[in-house]
Amino acid sequence: MLTASICTIGDEILIGQIVDTNSSLIAKELNKCGIKVNKMISIQDDESEIVSSLEECSHINDILIVTGGLLILVGLTFFFSPALMKAGIFPKKPSNPVEIN
């Protein structure tokens, strides 16, 4: 059985400004496909936290899904893509959209 981690990035989730509904929907759909979700975490907008959390999750599961935090601004620097690369994860845009009914 394939396993997955779902990682949500954003201080707005951790301070309760928004509710993370993405993770529960993704987990539900993965479960329907026979994929077991072993871990769901929210990560603060901090490069070192993002790198360490993504490294951990990518090593313990077959699939790593990351939501939120597409561009994280610290000072005048965006660092999401470098954080992924530091974690050894290279994002790939899906070639075909997935429709969930």
Foldseek 3Di string as FASTA:
>chain_A
DFEEEEEEEEVCCVVVVDPPPVVVVVCVVCVVVVYHYPYYYYFYLDLVRLLVVLLVRVVPGPYYHYDDLPFRDDPNDTCPQVSCVSSVHHDDDDPDDDDDD
